[in-house]
């Protein structure tokens, strides 16, 4: 039986050869509501630049509502009225570069209704580095889902945010019990 390689040090876990950066829902309507916009964007920009420089694939996600007839009743009951938002509300605040991947998604998990898992498994990706908005919704859901599917999971503490600071902090505390929660500087140092 082949011995499995188990990564324990951050440098091993986020090695560029088997890692991907997820930039979760950094869309105009969300960025303009977060409590730490300037520091969040600065940390996120450095991480994206560092990932591209280390040849780590960058995946942007985008909230993409389903046509009303095909949306679940529970999501319709809880979602904001997208038709009354400015035309650019769902546009990405940070523009992907050539080679980055943008995933349109309809749920709070990157794994439901997308080809994400197929793509990363095909590419030999074992570690997912999560950034974006909102910590307590899509980040936490996707990070838990990633961990449950056997991926090394890192949430970058200073590159995630929310419109609700208390919920963001509670979510980070919960996540720290389950996954690696690290500062952007630590991840960037590991990618050097």
Protein backbone atom coordinates (compact mmCIF):
# COMPACT_ATOMS: atom_id res chain seq x y z
CA UNK A 1 0.00 0.00 0.00
CA UNK A 2 1.31 3.44 -0.96
CA UNK A 3 2.03 5.67 2.02
CA UNK A 4 -0.01 8.87 1.98
CA UNK A 5 1.69 12.20 2.26
CA UNK A 6 0.20 14.24 5.09
CA UNK A 7 0.95 17.95 5.25
CA UNK A 8 1.25 19.56 8.67
CA UNK A 9 3.25 22.76 8.13
CA UNK A 10 1.63 25.76 6.43
CA UNK A 11 4.37 25.89 3.78
CA UNK A 12 3.52 22.29 2.80
CA UNK A 13 -0.24 22.82 3.03
CA UNK A 14 -0.33 25.86 0.73
CA UNK A 15 2.47 24.78 -1.62
CA UNK A 16 1.66 26.37 -5.00
CA UNK A 17 1.78 23.02 -6.83
CA UNK A 18 -1.40 21.82 -5.09
CA UNK A 19 -3.21 24.96 -3.88
CA UNK A 20 -5.87 27.33 -5.19
CA UNK A 21 -7.04 30.75 -4.00
CA UNK A 22 -10.80 31.31 -3.77
CA UNK A 23 -12.01 34.93 -3.91
CA UNK A 24 -15.58 34.62 -2.67
CA UNK A 25 -18.28 37.07 -3.87
CA UNK A 26 -16.20 40.25 -3.96
CA UNK A 27 -19.01 42.05 -5.75
CA UNK A 28 -19.91 45.73 -5.69
CA UNK A 29 -23.05 45.32 -3.56
CA UNK A 30 -21.10 43.48 -0.84
CA UNK A 31 -17.78 45.35 -0.84
CA UNK A 32 -19.57 48.63 -0.21
CA UNK A 33 -21.22 47.23 2.96
CA UNK A 34 -18.30 45.63 4.81
CA UNK A 35 -16.89 47.02 8.05
CA UNK A 36 -13.18 46.88 7.12
CA UNK A 37 -13.19 47.75 3.42
CA UNK A 38 -9.75 49.38 3.15
CA UNK A 39 -7.76 46.80 5.12
CA UNK A 40 -9.70 43.92 3.54
CA UNK A 41 -9.02 45.13 -0.01
CA UNK A 42 -5.33 45.76 0.73
CA UNK A 43 -4.82 42.25 2.12
CA UNK A 44 -6.86 40.66 -0.67
CA UNK A 45 -4.94 42.52 -3.38
CA UNK A 46 -1.62 41.30 -1.96
CA UNK A 47 -2.89 37.71 -1.79
CA UNK A 48 -4.20 37.73 -5.36
CA UNK A 49 -0.93 39.22 -6.60
CA UNK A 50 1.05 36.67 -4.57
CA UNK A 51 -1.04 33.78 -5.87
CA UNK A 52 -0.62 34.84 -9.48
CA UNK A 53 3.13 35.29 -8.94
CA UNK A 54 3.40 31.78 -7.46
CA UNK A 55 1.25 30.26 -10.23
CA UNK A 56 -1.55 29.42 -7.77
CA UNK A 57 -4.89 29.30 -9.63
CA UNK A 58 -7.31 32.07 -8.63
CA UNK A 59 -11.04 31.32 -8.60
CA UNK A 60 -13.51 34.21 -8.32
CA UNK A 61 -17.08 33.37 -7.36
CA UNK A 62 -20.11 35.41 -8.27
CA UNK A 63 -23.61 35.37 -6.81
CA UNK A 64 -25.76 34.54 -9.81
CA UNK A 65 -29.48 34.39 -9.06
CA UNK A 66 -31.50 31.73 -10.79
CA UNK A 67 -34.55 32.80 -12.79
CA UNK A 68 -37.36 33.25 -10.27
CA UNK A 69 -39.36 30.27 -11.52
CA UNK A 70 -36.40 27.96 -10.88
CA UNK A 71 -35.24 29.39 -7.55
CA UNK A 72 -36.14 27.58 -4.33
CA UNK A 73 -38.97 29.07 -2.31
CA UNK A 74 -36.74 29.38 0.75
CA UNK A 75 -34.13 31.38 -1.18
CA UNK A 76 -36.82 33.59 -2.70
CA UNK A 77 -38.21 34.28 0.76
CA UNK A 78 -34.82 35.34 2.11
CA UNK A 79 -33.06 37.04 -0.78
CA UNK A 80 -32.98 40.71 -1.54
CA UNK A 81 -34.81 41.96 -4.58
CA UNK A 82 -32.04 41.85 -7.18
CA UNK A 83 -34.21 43.58 -9.77
CA UNK A 84 -34.13 46.82 -7.75
CA UNK A 85 -30.35 46.94 -7.40
CA UNK A 86 -28.08 49.10 -9.53
CA UNK A 87 -27.07 47.46 -12.81
CA UNK A 88 -23.50 46.89 -11.61
CA UNK A 89 -24.39 45.56 -8.12
CA UNK A 90 -23.44 41.98 -8.98
CA UNK A 91 -20.28 42.93 -10.93
CA UNK A 92 -16.96 41.87 -9.44
CA UNK A 93 -15.25 44.71 -7.57
CA UNK A 94 -11.83 43.25 -8.40
CA UNK A 95 -11.50 42.24 -12.03
CA UNK A 96 -10.10 38.78 -12.84
CA UNK A 97 -7.03 38.56 -15.09
CA UNK A 98 -6.48 36.21 -18.00
CA UNK A 99 -6.01 32.75 -16.55
CA UNK A 100 -8.21 33.41 -13.50
CA UNK A 101 -11.47 31.48 -13.34
CA UNK A 102 -14.87 33.00 -12.56
CA UNK A 103 -17.56 30.67 -11.25
CA UNK A 104 -21.18 31.71 -11.33
CA UNK A 105 -22.89 30.09 -8.38
CA UNK A 106 -26.34 29.97 -6.89
CA UNK A 107 -25.74 28.79 -3.32
CA UNK A 108 -23.53 29.53 -0.31
CA UNK A 109 -21.24 26.60 -1.11
CA UNK A 110 -18.69 26.61 -3.91
CA UNK A 111 -19.31 22.88 -4.34
CA UNK A 112 -23.07 22.94 -5.01
CA UNK A 113 -24.14 23.48 -8.60
CA UNK A 114 -20.66 24.25 -10.00
CA UNK A 115 -17.85 22.31 -11.65
CA UNK A 116 -15.38 23.53 -9.03
CA UNK A 117 -14.64 20.18 -7.40
CA UNK A 118 -14.20 18.47 -10.76
CA UNK A 119 -11.80 21.20 -11.88
CA UNK A 120 -9.64 21.20 -8.77
CA UNK A 121 -9.47 17.42 -8.50
CA UNK A 122 -8.47 17.24 -12.18
CA UNK A 123 -5.70 19.76 -11.46
CA UNK A 124 -4.42 17.85 -8.40
CA UNK A 125 -5.39 20.65 -6.01
CA UNK A 126 -5.50 19.52 -2.39
CA UNK A 127 -5.53 22.86 -0.55
CA UNK A 128 -8.03 25.71 -0.75
CA UNK A 129 -7.27 29.20 0.51
CA UNK A 130 -10.50 31.13 1.12
CA UNK A 131 -10.89 34.91 0.98
CA UNK A 132 -13.86 37.18 0.33
CA UNK A 133 -17.30 38.15 1.59
CA UNK A 134 -19.19 37.13 3.77
CA UNK A 135 -17.27 35.22 6.40
CA UNK A 136 -20.32 33.81 8.18
CA UNK A 137 -22.17 32.82 5.03
CA UNK A 138 -20.34 31.61 1.92
CA UNK A 139 -16.84 31.47 3.38
CA UNK A 140 -17.88 29.37 6.37
CA UNK A 141 -20.21 27.15 4.31
CA UNK A 142 -17.59 26.51 1.64
CA UNK A 143 -14.73 26.04 4.12
CA UNK A 144 -16.73 23.47 6.08
CA UNK A 145 -17.74 21.76 2.85
CA UNK A 146 -14.10 21.71 1.65
CA UNK A 147 -12.92 20.20 4.92
CA UNK A 148 -15.66 17.56 4.77
CA UNK A 149 -14.56 16.65 1.22
CA UNK A 150 -10.97 16.08 2.34
CA UNK A 151 -9.30 19.30 1.21
CA UNK A 152 -6.80 21.17 3.34
CA UNK A 153 -8.70 24.35 4.13
CA UNK A 154 -7.26 27.76 4.99
CA UNK A 155 -9.33 30.86 5.75
CA UNK A 156 -7.33 34.08 5.52
CA UNK A 157 -8.39 36.08 8.56
CA UNK A 158 -7.57 39.55 7.24
CA UNK A 159 -8.85 38.84 3.71
CA UNK A 160 -12.40 37.84 4.65
CA UNK A 161 -15.12 40.24 5.74
CA UNK A 162 -18.79 40.86 6.30
CA UNK A 163 -21.37 43.57 6.70
CA UNK A 164 -21.79 42.27 10.26
CA UNK A 165 -18.59 42.52 12.30
CA UNK A 166 -19.93 40.43 15.21
CA UNK A 167 -21.07 37.60 12.92
CA UNK A 168 -17.69 37.76 11.13
CA UNK A 169 -15.79 37.40 14.42
CA UNK A 170 -18.03 34.55 15.64
CA UNK A 171 -17.54 32.75 12.35
CA UNK A 172 -13.74 33.09 12.50
CA UNK A 173 -13.79 31.71 16.06
CA UNK A 174 -15.88 28.73 14.90
CA UNK A 175 -13.73 28.13 11.86
CA UNK A 176 -10.50 28.22 13.89
CA UNK A 177 -11.69 25.02 15.61
CA UNK A 178 -12.09 23.24 12.25
CA UNK A 179 -9.67 24.64 9.68
CA UNK A 180 -6.48 26.67 9.41
CA UNK A 181 -7.24 30.36 10.03
CA UNK A 182 -4.16 32.40 9.11
CA UNK A 183 -3.05 35.93 8.31
CA UNK A 184 -2.36 36.90 4.71
CA UNK A 185 1.31 37.58 5.53
CA UNK A 186 1.74 33.94 6.61
CA UNK A 187 0.24 32.61 3.39
CA UNK A 188 2.28 35.02 1.27
CA UNK A 189 5.48 33.99 3.05
CA UNK A 190 4.68 30.33 2.35
CA UNK A 191 4.16 31.16 -1.36
CA UNK A 192 7.62 32.77 -1.70
